[in-house]
Amino acid sequence: MNGNELLRPGGEKRGGLDASLAAEDLELTRLSQLLFPGLGAGEALEFAFGLLTDDGETIRLRQEILGDLLDHPALRETMEKLRGILEELETCSRGVRDNLTGMKVSRLDAAVDGLKKAVLKLEKNLSQQGADILEENAADNRYAQLLRFTHFRRRLTALYAEAIGLLRSSTRGEKFASASLRALGEWAEACYEKDRVAETEKALRDLDVEWKGVSAFAVDVCLDARRNVVGLEMAEVRQMPYARPGMLEAAGSGEERSGVTSLLQFPQTGTGTLFQEYLLSEVGYEVRSKLTRLRESLTKLPVSGIEELLTLRDALRFYTGAAAFAEKLRSRGAPLCAPSLTEEVTFRFREAMLPEQSCTGALPVPNDLTLSKGGSILMTGPNSSGKTCCLIMAGQFLFLGQLGCLLPAKEASFSPRDRLLTLFAAGESETGEDSRMGLEVQRLGLLQEHMTDRSIFFFNEPMTSTSATEGGQICVDLLADLAGKGVPSLLVTHFNHIWPQLRERFDALGASDKLQSLVMTSEETEDGLRYLYKLKEAPPPPSSHARAVVAAKGVTLEAMVEALSRRGLDMRAGDPGWDKVRRGAV
């Protein structure tokens, strides 16, 4: 069972979604971290980008598996445990590969190296000759590799047996809707029988009796005047746990060293590398007979499914993250659905909620949002009323939907896109050479180069750095041009006056049914403007309530007149006090 088969039908990558040009505007980095909290911000986004798809069969496969995971909590818990096991298992697998020389140590090697040891014992201190021999032994680190190979193989075998046993027990006898999960259970059962996992676990328990105490040792350390390590010498190797504190352990710690994992590791680079290899080679040489027996016993224990098991890592990361995300939404009372795929509209979301807020804060007001095939939405309303949040929600829903995730909505359907493209109001350039308008035009040109008829545009208050007349006209041209090319778009703006022009242009295109005006509602009360955070289909209002928004911050005409009066000014044009204002005296 290859891990790719859990993520893609037949294990083959099909299609994709390029969201890289929209990641910052749509806050996809933070959303990816919500899905995959064990990764850093950049890693989480890169991981998500690698899974995005526009293939309907792939999306449905992932939705089906997520549905089963929500219905089978035990399997979810198993996958969480397996993620941790696979991370350690990968380290052990790499350790085995990197120390294969340890497989080649023979009895003849031990006899020849015994002579070298006799020479080394003649050197009481680390003279130049002794240092040369030490360097030679460090370069020829077969016994260090024997030690590490045996340790890594022991741990790899134990982890493999544990992982296969967990998968088998959590899938055995369960009825899954997903054929992929059923196949995973069958594969685990086959590995369990083929590799005799029950016998392996018993054999490992028996081997542990010999394994403990192998690495118990004491070390003489040679320091220079500055207390830098200049040499190491094995003083003692015992077959029982060594109870005396080591050189890096606090006196009286009372901790016994047992097992190879307790070896003191020196820096992997610089002069410490030499002494580390010498130390490990000494331990490996002193207990070579025991290590050789353990190695032979371990290599007889089969782990035939190890490579396939390791390929499950990405699938487990995705499904555990996406299932935890969905479970959190459900536990907080947010609606949850598996979106369906359609070619009738670009998207249709009913009672939809912004994903991040649904997970971390008070549940947002749900909204309905439908964008026709190749159509455009003009979204208007007061400042801070939730327009941008609705735009971001639509983009994030497509992002999550094309990952195969479940969405915080009562119902959802969408037509998969090949690119998410955004143009948000720009700031000034860092050098000051480009204006806001110039930056927006440059970005728009870049986006249009990447655009296809399967793309979608999200505009958030673009072209506000020029006059309302010119900026509004540019927005009208943009939406009409995209509609003519069949590219859907959503525009958030305060250019309420462009609605009649947009209707006229879309009528001329024969696409009047593809244009929609949505207004984020509010109401004026005695205490000021009250936001309802609810969309309604209606023409843009004559006012964006800017005055009411400013008034809520205490900036009113009356307040300004009062402030001027305190400075000895009034509003009459002939007041000589205005000359002082112009000269900066007031």
Protein backbone atom coordinates (compact mmCIF):
# COMPACT_ATOMS: atom_id res chain seq x y z
CA MET A 1 0.00 0.00 0.00
CA ASN A 2 1.70 3.18 -1.19
CA GLY A 3 0.94 6.38 0.72
CA ASN A 4 0.21 8.20 -2.52
CA GLU A 5 -2.74 5.87 -3.06
CA LEU A 6 -4.35 7.36 0.04
CA LEU A 7 -4.00 10.85 -1.44
CA ARG A 8 -4.54 10.28 -5.15
CA PRO A 9 -6.49 7.67 -7.17
CA GLY A 10 -3.98 5.10 -8.35
CA GLY A 11 -1.24 7.07 -6.62
CA GLU A 12 -0.98 9.41 -9.60
CA LYS A 13 -0.94 13.18 -9.28
CA ARG A 14 -3.77 14.71 -11.27
CA GLY A 15 -4.12 18.41 -11.95
CA GLY A 16 -3.35 21.15 -9.49
CA LEU A 17 -4.27 24.59 -8.18
CA ASP A 18 -1.79 27.47 -8.20
CA ALA A 19 -2.58 29.63 -5.18
CA SER A 20 0.90 31.10 -4.77
CA LEU A 21 -0.07 34.53 -6.14
CA ALA A 22 -2.97 34.78 -3.68
CA ALA A 23 -1.37 33.30 -0.55
CA GLU A 24 -0.68 36.57 1.26
CA ASP A 25 -3.96 38.34 0.41
CA LEU A 26 -6.13 35.33 1.26
CA GLU A 27 -4.15 34.59 4.46
CA LEU A 28 -3.40 31.06 3.31
CA THR A 29 -0.27 30.74 5.43
CA ARG A 30 -2.22 31.09 8.69
CA LEU A 31 -4.90 28.77 7.38
CA SER A 32 -2.28 26.14 6.46
CA GLN A 33 -0.86 26.31 9.97
CA LEU A 34 -4.33 25.65 11.37
CA LEU A 35 -4.46 22.52 9.23
CA PHE A 36 -0.91 21.35 9.88
CA PRO A 37 0.14 22.77 13.27
CA GLY A 38 3.27 20.64 13.54
CA LEU A 39 4.91 22.53 10.67
CA GLY A 40 6.36 26.02 10.49
CA ALA A 41 4.49 28.70 8.57
CA GLY A 42 6.42 28.32 5.32
CA GLU A 43 6.52 24.52 5.59
CA ALA A 44 2.77 24.24 6.18
CA LEU A 45 1.96 26.39 3.15
CA GLU A 46 4.42 24.50 0.93
CA PHE A 47 2.97 21.18 2.10
CA ALA A 48 -0.56 22.38 1.27
CA PHE A 49 0.52 23.66 -2.16
CA GLY A 50 1.84 20.19 -2.98
CA LEU A 51 -1.59 18.66 -2.30
CA LEU A 52 -3.83 21.14 -4.14
CA THR A 53 -5.69 19.61 -7.07
CA ASP A 54 -8.41 20.42 -9.57
CA ASP A 55 -9.20 16.74 -10.13
CA GLY A 56 -12.68 15.83 -8.94
CA GLU A 57 -11.90 12.16 -8.31
CA THR A 58 -8.97 13.09 -6.07
CA ILE A 59 -11.09 15.56 -4.10
CA ARG A 60 -13.86 13.00 -3.58
CA LEU A 61 -11.35 10.34 -2.45
CA ARG A 62 -10.02 12.63 0.29
CA GLN A 63 -13.49 13.71 1.37
CA GLU A 64 -14.52 10.07 1.70
CA ILE A 65 -11.52 9.17 3.87
CA LEU A 66 -12.08 12.23 6.07
CA GLY A 67 -15.70 11.23 6.53
CA ASP A 68 -14.59 7.77 7.71
CA LEU A 69 -12.05 9.28 10.11
CA LEU A 70 -14.71 11.47 11.72
CA ASP A 71 -16.91 8.38 12.11
CA HIS A 72 -14.08 6.22 13.51
CA PRO A 73 -12.24 8.09 16.30
CA ALA A 74 -10.07 5.03 17.06
CA LEU A 75 -8.56 5.12 13.58
CA ARG A 76 -7.93 8.85 13.97
CA GLU A 77 -6.03 8.23 17.20
CA THR A 78 -4.04 5.46 15.51
CA MET A 79 -3.04 7.77 12.68
CA GLU A 80 -1.88 10.38 15.18
CA LYS A 81 0.33 7.78 16.90
CA LEU A 82 1.61 6.51 13.56
CA ARG A 83 2.74 10.00 12.56
CA GLY A 84 5.12 10.10 15.51
CA ILE A 85 6.27 6.53 14.92
CA LEU A 86 7.02 7.20 11.25
CA GLU A 87 9.15 10.25 12.06
CA GLU A 88 11.37 8.12 14.31
CA LEU A 89 11.20 5.22 11.88
CA GLU A 90 12.54 7.41 9.08
CA THR A 91 15.49 8.42 11.29
CA CYS A 92 16.22 4.77 12.04
CA SER A 93 15.93 3.80 8.38
CA ARG A 94 18.42 6.50 7.47
CA GLY A 95 20.70 5.36 10.32
CA VAL A 96 20.67 1.80 8.97
CA ARG A 97 21.54 2.99 5.45
CA ASP A 98 24.32 5.29 6.68
CA ASN A 99 25.99 2.55 8.71
CA LEU A 100 25.93 -0.40 6.33
CA THR A 101 29.67 -0.89 6.83
CA GLY A 102 28.68 -2.33 10.19
CA MET A 103 27.21 -5.29 8.31
CA LYS A 104 30.65 -6.22 6.95
CA VAL A 105 32.60 -6.62 10.20
CA SER A 106 33.97 -10.21 10.27
CA ARG A 107 35.99 -12.38 12.67
CA LEU A 108 39.11 -11.71 10.62
CA ASP A 109 38.60 -7.98 11.10
CA ALA A 110 38.43 -8.50 14.85
CA ALA A 111 41.71 -10.49 14.88
CA VAL A 112 43.63 -7.90 12.88
CA ASP A 113 42.23 -5.03 14.87
CA GLY A 114 43.22 -6.82 18.07
CA LEU A 115 46.86 -6.40 17.08
CA LYS A 116 46.33 -2.70 16.55
CA LYS A 117 44.80 -2.47 19.99
CA ALA A 118 47.86 -4.07 21.52
CA VAL A 119 50.02 -1.39 19.92
CA LEU A 120 47.74 1.34 21.16
CA LYS A 121 47.90 0.06 24.75
CA LEU A 122 51.66 0.66 24.76
CA GLU A 123 50.98 4.35 24.58
CA LYS A 124 50.22 5.53 28.11
CA ASN A 125 49.56 9.11 27.03
CA LEU A 126 48.34 10.67 23.80
CA SER A 127 51.76 11.20 22.20
CA GLN A 128 52.02 12.08 18.54
CA GLN A 129 52.27 8.39 17.67
CA GLY A 130 49.20 7.63 19.76
CA ALA A 131 47.35 10.51 18.18
CA ASP A 132 48.20 9.14 14.73
CA ILE A 133 46.81 5.74 15.67
CA LEU A 134 43.72 7.36 17.15
CA GLU A 135 43.16 9.29 13.94
CA GLU A 136 43.57 6.10 11.92
CA ASN A 137 41.05 4.28 14.06
CA ALA A 138 38.62 7.16 13.81
CA ALA A 139 38.89 7.15 10.02
CA ASP A 140 38.28 3.39 10.00
CA ASN A 141 35.13 3.40 12.10
CA ARG A 142 33.74 -0.04 11.29
CA TYR A 143 32.99 -0.79 14.93
CA ALA A 144 31.25 2.53 15.39
CA GLN A 145 29.12 1.63 12.38
CA LEU A 146 28.53 -1.85 13.77
CA LEU A 147 27.31 -0.28 16.99
CA ARG A 148 25.06 2.24 15.25
CA PHE A 149 23.75 -0.22 12.67
CA THR A 150 22.73 -2.67 15.39
CA HIS A 151 21.06 0.06 17.41
CA PHE A 152 19.15 1.51 14.46
CA ARG A 153 18.13 -1.92 13.17
CA ARG A 154 16.85 -2.89 16.62
CA ARG A 155 14.78 0.25 16.93
CA LEU A 156 13.57 0.12 13.30
CA THR A 157 12.31 -3.46 13.74
CA ALA A 158 10.48 -2.59 16.96
CA LEU A 159 8.84 0.50 15.42
CA TYR A 160 7.82 -1.41 12.31
CA ALA A 161 6.16 -4.13 14.36
CA GLU A 162 4.37 -1.53 16.47
CA ALA A 163 3.12 0.42 13.42
CA ILE A 164 1.83 -2.64 11.56
CA GLY A 165 0.14 -3.90 14.72
CA LEU A 166 -1.58 -0.55 15.29
CA LEU A 167 -2.83 -0.32 11.71
CA ARG A 168 -4.11 -3.89 11.79
CA SER A 169 -5.98 -3.53 15.07
CA SER A 170 -7.59 -0.18 14.14
CA THR A 171 -8.84 -1.32 10.72
CA ARG A 172 -9.70 -4.96 11.40
CA GLY A 173 -13.42 -5.62 11.31
CA GLU A 174 -14.30 -1.96 10.61
CA LYS A 175 -16.68 -1.03 7.79
CA PHE A 176 -15.29 1.94 5.90
CA ALA A 177 -17.01 3.79 3.07
CA SER A 178 -13.60 4.49 1.56
CA ALA A 179 -12.13 1.74 -0.61
CA SER A 180 -8.68 3.19 0.08
CA LEU A 181 -9.04 2.66 3.84
CA ARG A 182 -10.25 -0.87 3.25
CA ALA A 183 -7.18 -1.48 1.09
CA LEU A 184 -4.96 -0.04 3.83
CA GLY A 185 -6.44 -2.49 6.34
CA GLU A 186 -5.90 -5.42 3.97
CA TRP A 187 -2.28 -4.37 3.41
CA ALA A 188 -1.64 -4.14 7.17
CA GLU A 189 -3.15 -7.59 7.68
CA ALA A 190 -0.98 -9.04 4.90
CA CYS A 191 2.20 -7.49 6.37
CA TYR A 192 1.31 -8.73 9.84
CA GLU A 193 1.07 -12.31 8.59
CA LYS A 194 3.95 -12.20 6.10
CA ASP A 195 6.43 -10.64 8.55
CA ARG A 196 5.22 -12.70 11.52
CA VAL A 197 4.87 -9.55 13.61
CA ALA A 198 3.69 -11.40 16.72
CA GLU A 199 6.82 -13.60 16.62
CA THR A 200 9.02 -10.55 15.96
CA GLU A 201 7.72 -8.77 19.06
CA LYS A 202 8.47 -11.85 21.19
CA ALA A 203 11.95 -12.18 19.67
CA LEU A 204 12.68 -8.53 20.43
CA ARG A 205 11.69 -8.99 24.05
CA ASP A 206 14.11 -11.93 24.29
CA LEU A 207 16.91 -9.96 22.63
CA ASP A 208 16.43 -7.08 25.06
CA VAL A 209 17.80 -9.28 27.85
CA GLU A 210 21.17 -9.27 26.06
CA TRP A 211 20.86 -5.74 24.70
CA LYS A 212 20.68 -3.86 27.99
CA GLY A 213 24.03 -2.76 29.38
CA VAL A 214 25.94 -3.08 26.13
CA SER A 215 26.89 0.60 26.09
CA ALA A 216 27.80 1.08 29.75
CA PHE A 217 31.26 2.66 29.75
CA ALA A 218 33.58 5.15 31.42
CA VAL A 219 35.85 7.63 29.68
CA ASP A 220 39.12 9.38 30.57
CA VAL A 221 39.15 12.88 29.14
CA CYS A 222 42.34 14.79 28.28
CA LEU A 223 42.00 18.57 28.44
CA ASP A 224 44.33 21.38 27.46
CA ALA A 225 45.04 24.50 29.58
CA ARG A 226 41.83 26.10 28.28
CA ARG A 227 39.88 22.96 29.16
CA ASN A 228 39.23 22.04 25.55
CA VAL A 229 38.96 18.32 24.84
CA VAL A 230 42.13 17.11 23.13
CA GLY A 231 41.78 13.38 23.63
CA LEU A 232 39.61 10.56 24.95
CA GLU A 233 40.48 7.13 26.24
CA MET A 234 38.26 4.22 27.11
CA ALA A 235 38.75 3.37 30.78
CA GLU A 236 36.09 0.73 31.22
CA VAL A 237 33.40 -1.20 29.38
CA ARG A 238 30.93 -3.17 31.47
CA GLN A 239 28.13 -5.58 30.65
CA MET A 240 25.91 -4.11 33.38
CA PRO A 241 24.38 -0.62 33.51
CA TYR A 242 26.97 1.91 34.63
CA ALA A 243 25.63 3.72 37.70
CA ARG A 244 28.38 6.33 38.18
CA PRO A 245 27.53 9.81 36.76
CA GLY A 246 29.07 10.51 33.37
CA MET A 247 31.10 13.55 32.48
CA LEU A 248 28.03 15.41 31.20
CA GLU A 249 25.70 14.30 33.96
CA ALA A 250 25.19 16.09 37.26
CA ALA A 251 26.74 14.31 40.23
CA GLY A 252 24.22 12.35 42.22
CA SER A 253 21.73 12.16 39.37
CA GLY A 254 21.26 8.48 40.15
CA GLU A 255 20.44 7.69 36.55
CA GLU A 256 21.83 4.47 35.14
CA ARG A 257 22.99 4.29 31.56
CA SER A 258 21.67 1.31 29.64
CA GLY A 259 21.23 0.76 25.95
CA VAL A 260 23.06 2.28 23.01
CA THR A 261 20.78 5.32 23.02
CA SER A 262 22.55 6.62 26.11
CA LEU A 263 25.92 7.04 24.38
CA LEU A 264 27.31 10.54 24.80
CA GLN A 265 27.28 12.19 21.38
CA PHE A 266 30.03 14.66 20.54
CA PRO A 267 29.58 17.44 17.96
CA GLN A 268 29.14 16.11 14.46
CA THR A 269 31.50 18.71 13.00
CA GLY A 270 34.89 20.14 13.93
CA THR A 271 37.51 18.46 16.07
CA GLY A 272 34.90 16.68 18.17
CA THR A 273 34.08 14.35 15.27
CA LEU A 274 37.38 12.54 15.66
CA PHE A 275 36.83 11.82 19.34
CA GLN A 276 33.22 10.81 18.84
CA GLU A 277 34.14 8.20 16.26
CA TYR A 278 37.01 6.97 18.43
CA LEU A 279 34.71 6.58 21.41
CA LEU A 280 32.02 4.73 19.47
CA SER A 281 34.63 2.55 17.79
CA GLU A 282 36.04 1.62 21.21
CA VAL A 283 32.63 0.64 22.53
CA GLY A 284 31.82 -1.27 19.35
CA TYR A 285 35.14 -3.13 19.47
CA GLU A 286 34.91 -4.08 23.14
CA VAL A 287 31.46 -5.63 22.72
CA ARG A 288 31.88 -6.79 19.11
CA SER A 289 30.91 -10.40 19.83
CA LYS A 290 27.64 -9.43 21.47
CA LEU A 291 26.90 -6.85 18.77
CA THR A 292 27.58 -9.37 15.99
CA ARG A 293 25.17 -11.88 17.52
CA LEU A 294 22.52 -9.22 17.97
CA ARG A 295 23.04 -7.98 14.43
CA GLU A 296 22.58 -11.46 12.97
CA SER A 297 19.47 -12.07 15.06
CA LEU A 298 17.95 -8.74 14.07
CA THR A 299 18.56 -9.09 10.35
CA LYS A 300 16.64 -12.35 10.40
CA LEU A 301 13.50 -10.54 11.57
CA PRO A 302 11.59 -9.51 8.38
CA VAL A 303 10.39 -5.96 7.75
CA SER A 304 9.26 -6.35 4.15
CA GLY A 305 6.72 -3.50 4.26
CA ILE A 306 9.08 -0.86 5.65
CA GLU A 307 9.47 1.20 2.46
CA GLU A 308 5.72 1.26 1.81
CA LEU A 309 5.04 2.14 5.43
CA LEU A 310 7.37 5.13 5.23
CA THR A 311 5.44 6.49 2.22
CA LEU A 312 2.37 6.95 4.47
CA ARG A 313 3.91 9.97 6.19
CA ASP A 314 2.44 12.73 4.00
CA ALA A 315 -0.96 11.06 3.86
CA LEU A 316 -1.06 10.75 7.65
CA ARG A 317 -0.04 14.39 8.09
CA PHE A 318 -2.79 15.56 5.76
CA TYR A 319 -5.60 13.37 7.12
CA THR A 320 -4.82 13.86 10.80
CA GLY A 321 -4.57 17.63 10.28
CA ALA A 322 -7.70 17.92 8.14
CA ALA A 323 -9.71 15.62 10.45
CA ALA A 324 -8.65 17.57 13.57
CA PHE A 325 -9.60 20.81 11.78
CA ALA A 326 -13.03 19.42 10.90
CA GLU A 327 -13.58 18.03 14.40
CA LYS A 328 -12.72 21.40 15.93
CA LEU A 329 -15.24 23.15 13.70
CA ARG A 330 -17.91 20.62 14.61
CA SER A 331 -17.18 20.81 18.33
CA ARG A 332 -17.56 24.61 18.26
CA GLY A 333 -21.00 24.36 16.66
CA ALA A 334 -19.99 25.47 13.16
CA PRO A 335 -21.75 23.76 10.25
CA LEU A 336 -19.69 21.17 8.40
CA CYS A 337 -20.07 19.74 4.93
CA ALA A 338 -18.23 17.94 2.15
CA PRO A 339 -18.59 20.27 -0.85
CA SER A 340 -19.91 18.81 -4.07
CA LEU A 341 -18.38 19.51 -7.47
CA THR A 342 -20.36 21.23 -10.19
CA GLU A 343 -19.91 22.98 -13.52
CA GLU A 344 -23.18 24.92 -13.20
CA VAL A 345 -21.72 27.74 -11.08
CA THR A 346 -18.28 28.91 -10.03
CA PHE A 347 -19.27 28.37 -6.40
CA ARG A 348 -22.33 28.27 -4.19
CA PHE A 349 -21.95 28.44 -0.40
CA ARG A 350 -24.89 28.42 2.02
CA GLU A 351 -24.55 29.53 5.66
CA ALA A 352 -20.80 29.73 5.19
CA MET A 353 -18.38 30.93 7.88
CA LEU A 354 -14.82 32.25 7.74
CA PRO A 355 -12.68 29.17 8.61
CA GLU A 356 -10.09 30.73 10.93
CA GLN A 357 -12.63 32.67 12.98
CA SER A 358 -14.82 29.57 13.21
CA CYS A 359 -11.88 27.73 14.81
CA THR A 360 -10.43 30.38 17.08
CA GLY A 361 -12.99 33.03 18.00
CA ALA A 362 -16.69 33.67 18.35
CA LEU A 363 -18.59 32.02 15.51
CA PRO A 364 -19.06 34.53 12.68
CA VAL A 365 -22.40 35.43 11.14
CA PRO A 366 -23.08 32.88 8.37
CA ASN A 367 -23.59 34.11 4.83
CA ASP A 368 -24.81 32.78 1.50
CA LEU A 369 -22.61 33.46 -1.50
CA THR A 370 -23.11 32.37 -5.10
CA LEU A 371 -20.96 33.28 -8.10
CA SER A 372 -22.31 32.27 -11.49
CA LYS A 373 -20.22 30.50 -14.11
CA GLY A 374 -17.90 33.11 -15.60
CA GLY A 375 -19.81 35.83 -13.73
CA SER A 376 -18.96 38.76 -11.48
CA ILE A 377 -20.02 39.98 -8.05
CA LEU A 378 -19.89 43.63 -7.00
CA MET A 379 -19.76 43.74 -3.19
CA THR A 380 -20.29 47.06 -1.41
CA GLY A 381 -21.10 48.30 2.10
CA PRO A 382 -19.68 50.37 4.95
CA ASN A 383 -16.07 50.25 6.04
CA SER A 384 -15.28 47.46 8.53
CA SER A 385 -18.61 45.76 7.82
CA GLY A 386 -17.13 42.39 6.76
CA LYS A 387 -16.77 42.68 2.97
CA THR A 388 -13.11 41.71 2.87
CA CYS A 389 -13.78 38.80 5.25
CA CYS A 390 -16.41 37.45 2.86
CA LEU A 391 -14.03 37.76 -0.06
CA ILE A 392 -11.28 35.97 1.87
CA MET A 393 -13.78 33.32 2.95
CA ALA A 394 -14.65 32.56 -0.68
CA GLY A 395 -10.98 32.22 -1.61
CA GLN A 396 -10.21 30.05 1.42
CA PHE A 397 -13.19 27.81 0.69
CA LEU A 398 -11.80 27.09 -2.78
CA PHE A 399 -8.35 26.47 -1.28
CA LEU A 400 -9.73 24.06 1.34
CA GLY A 401 -12.15 22.47 -1.11
CA GLN A 402 -9.38 21.71 -3.56
CA LEU A 403 -7.30 20.17 -0.81
CA GLY A 404 -10.21 17.79 -0.23
CA CYS A 405 -11.10 19.25 3.19
CA LEU A 406 -14.55 19.67 4.74
CA LEU A 407 -15.91 23.23 4.92
CA PRO A 408 -17.65 25.27 7.63
CA ALA A 409 -20.91 25.67 5.70
CA LYS A 410 -24.38 24.16 5.62
CA GLU A 411 -23.99 23.33 1.94
CA ALA A 412 -21.26 24.01 -0.58
CA SER A 413 -20.48 23.31 -4.20
CA PHE A 414 -17.85 24.67 -6.55
CA SER A 415 -16.18 24.24 -9.90
CA PRO A 416 -12.45 23.50 -9.38
CA ARG A 417 -10.12 26.31 -10.45
CA ASP A 418 -6.56 26.18 -11.78
CA ARG A 419 -5.46 29.51 -10.23
CA LEU A 420 -6.51 31.84 -7.45
CA LEU A 421 -5.58 35.42 -8.40
CA THR A 422 -5.89 38.46 -6.13
CA LEU A 423 -5.47 42.20 -6.50
CA PHE A 424 -5.72 44.02 -3.19
CA ALA A 425 -5.18 47.76 -2.73
CA ALA A 426 -1.41 48.25 -2.76
CA GLY A 427 0.77 50.32 -0.45
CA GLU A 428 3.71 52.43 -1.51
CA SER A 429 6.82 50.67 -2.81
CA GLU A 430 9.77 50.37 -0.42
CA THR A 431 11.94 52.59 -2.61
CA GLY A 432 9.20 55.12 -3.25
CA GLU A 433 9.83 54.87 -6.99
CA ASP A 434 6.45 53.30 -7.75
CA SER A 435 3.10 54.77 -6.79
CA ARG A 436 0.26 52.67 -5.41
CA MET A 437 -1.42 52.90 -8.78
CA GLY A 438 1.76 51.83 -10.55
CA LEU A 439 2.18 48.82 -8.30
CA GLU A 440 -1.40 47.70 -8.85
CA VAL A 441 -1.07 48.02 -12.62
CA GLN A 442 2.16 45.99 -12.57
CA ARG A 443 0.54 43.25 -10.50
CA LEU A 444 -2.53 43.21 -12.72
CA GLY A 445 -0.31 42.70 -15.76
CA LEU A 446 1.43 39.79 -14.04
CA LEU A 447 -1.88 38.18 -13.06
CA GLN A 448 -3.29 38.44 -16.56
CA GLU A 449 -0.22 36.62 -17.90
CA HIS A 450 -1.07 33.67 -15.64
CA MET A 451 -4.84 33.81 -16.16
CA THR A 452 -6.88 31.12 -17.93
CA ASP A 453 -10.63 30.61 -18.27
CA ARG A 454 -10.36 28.22 -15.28
CA SER A 455 -8.93 30.93 -13.02
CA ILE A 456 -10.77 33.23 -10.61
CA PHE A 457 -10.05 36.86 -9.62
CA PHE A 458 -10.58 38.43 -6.20
CA PHE A 459 -10.34 42.24 -6.10
CA ASN A 460 -10.27 44.14 -2.81
CA GLU A 461 -10.68 47.91 -3.19
CA PRO A 462 -8.27 48.30 -6.11
CA MET A 463 -7.57 51.60 -7.93
CA THR A 464 -8.35 53.76 -4.91
CA SER A 465 -5.14 55.76 -5.34
CA THR A 466 -6.58 57.66 -8.27
CA SER A 467 -9.80 59.65 -8.61
CA ALA A 468 -13.08 57.88 -7.96
CA THR A 469 -14.15 58.54 -11.55
CA GLU A 470 -11.02 57.08 -13.12
CA GLY A 471 -10.67 54.26 -10.58
CA GLY A 472 -14.30 53.28 -11.02
CA GLN A 473 -14.00 53.24 -14.80
CA ILE A 474 -10.93 50.97 -14.61
CA CYS A 475 -12.88 48.55 -12.38
CA VAL A 476 -15.78 48.51 -14.85
CA ASP A 477 -13.40 47.74 -17.71
CA LEU A 478 -11.69 45.01 -15.70
CA LEU A 479 -14.85 43.13 -14.77
CA ALA A 480 -16.34 43.46 -18.24
CA ASP A 481 -13.12 42.21 -19.85
CA LEU A 482 -12.95 39.20 -17.52
CA ALA A 483 -16.61 38.38 -18.13
CA GLY A 484 -15.99 38.50 -21.88
CA LYS A 485 -13.25 35.90 -21.41
CA GLY A 486 -15.38 33.74 -19.13
CA VAL A 487 -13.20 34.37 -16.06
CA PRO A 488 -15.23 34.76 -12.83
CA SER A 489 -14.44 37.62 -10.45
CA LEU A 490 -15.47 39.17 -7.13
CA LEU A 491 -14.88 42.88 -6.52
CA VAL A 492 -15.08 44.57 -3.11
CA THR A 493 -15.22 48.34 -3.55
CA HIS A 494 -16.55 51.67 -2.34
CA PHE A 495 -17.10 52.81 -5.93
CA ASN A 496 -20.87 52.43 -5.55
CA HIS A 497 -21.46 54.67 -8.54
CA ILE A 498 -20.16 52.10 -11.07
CA TRP A 499 -23.20 49.79 -10.81
CA PRO A 500 -25.18 51.37 -13.70
CA GLN A 501 -22.09 51.32 -15.92
CA LEU A 502 -21.44 47.68 -15.07
CA ARG A 503 -25.01 46.70 -15.91
CA GLU A 504 -24.75 48.52 -19.23
CA ARG A 505 -21.49 46.78 -20.15
CA PHE A 506 -22.74 43.33 -19.15
CA ASP A 507 -25.98 43.90 -21.08
CA ALA A 508 -23.88 44.69 -24.15
CA LEU A 509 -22.02 41.40 -23.64
CA GLY A 510 -25.29 39.48 -23.34
CA ALA A 511 -24.26 38.53 -19.81
CA SER A 512 -26.68 40.52 -17.68
CA ASP A 513 -27.59 37.34 -15.78
CA LYS A 514 -23.94 36.90 -14.76
CA LEU A 515 -23.67 40.17 -12.83
CA GLN A 516 -24.72 40.38 -9.19
CA SER A 517 -24.66 43.17 -6.61
CA LEU A 518 -24.31 42.20 -2.96
CA VAL A 519 -24.44 44.66 -0.08
CA MET A 520 -23.05 44.10 3.40
CA THR A 521 -25.88 45.37 5.55
CA SER A 522 -25.84 47.74 8.50
CA GLU A 523 -28.24 50.06 10.28
CA GLU A 524 -27.91 53.48 11.84
CA THR A 525 -28.98 53.66 15.47
CA GLU A 526 -28.88 56.33 18.16
CA ASP A 527 -25.50 54.94 19.22
CA GLY A 528 -24.10 55.09 15.69
CA LEU A 529 -23.70 52.58 12.89
CA ARG A 530 -24.50 48.96 13.77
CA TYR A 531 -22.99 46.24 11.58
CA LEU A 532 -25.14 43.22 10.77
CA TYR A 533 -22.40 41.31 8.87
CA LYS A 534 -25.06 39.93 6.59
CA LEU A 535 -25.03 40.01 2.80
CA LYS A 536 -28.14 40.80 0.80
CA GLU A 537 -28.69 41.01 -2.92
CA ALA A 538 -29.47 44.64 -3.76
CA PRO A 539 -28.08 47.54 -5.80
CA PRO A 540 -25.27 49.45 -4.08
CA PRO A 541 -26.59 52.09 -1.62
CA PRO A 542 -26.10 55.76 -2.52
CA SER A 543 -23.72 56.14 0.45
CA SER A 544 -21.03 53.90 1.90
CA HIS A 545 -21.83 55.31 5.37
CA ALA A 546 -18.32 56.79 5.56
CA ARG A 547 -19.60 59.69 7.63
CA ALA A 548 -21.20 57.37 10.13
CA VAL A 549 -17.99 55.32 10.39
CA VAL A 550 -15.90 58.45 10.97
CA ALA A 551 -18.45 59.76 13.47
CA ALA A 552 -18.11 56.54 15.46
CA LYS A 553 -14.49 57.58 16.04
CA GLY A 554 -15.61 60.98 17.34
CA VAL A 555 -14.82 62.92 14.14
CA THR A 556 -17.92 65.04 13.31
CA LEU A 557 -18.49 68.47 11.80
CA GLU A 558 -19.68 69.72 15.18
CA ALA A 559 -16.53 68.41 16.88
CA MET A 560 -14.32 70.10 14.29
CA VAL A 561 -16.15 73.46 14.64
CA GLU A 562 -15.81 73.23 18.42
CA ALA A 563 -12.07 72.52 18.14
CA LEU A 564 -11.62 75.52 15.82
CA SER A 565 -13.54 77.76 18.20
CA ARG A 566 -11.18 76.82 21.04
CA ARG A 567 -8.36 78.11 18.84
CA GLY A 568 -10.13 81.43 18.18
CA LEU A 569 -11.34 80.50 14.69
CA ASP A 570 -14.74 80.21 13.13
CA MET A 571 -15.99 78.92 9.82
CA ARG A 572 -16.48 82.31 8.17
CA ALA A 573 -14.19 82.77 5.19
CA GLY A 574 -13.29 86.36 6.15
CA ASP A 575 -11.99 85.46 9.61
CA PRO A 576 -8.39 86.79 9.80
CA GLY A 577 -7.47 83.76 11.92
CA TRP A 578 -7.26 81.65 8.74
CA ASP A 579 -4.18 83.62 7.67
CA LYS A 580 -2.47 82.37 10.84
CA VAL A 581 -3.43 78.79 9.97
CA ARG A 582 -1.90 79.15 6.51
CA ARG A 583 1.32 80.52 8.03
CA GLY A 584 1.40 77.67 10.55
CA ALA A 585 1.08 79.98 13.54
CA VAL A 586 -1.90 78.13 15.00
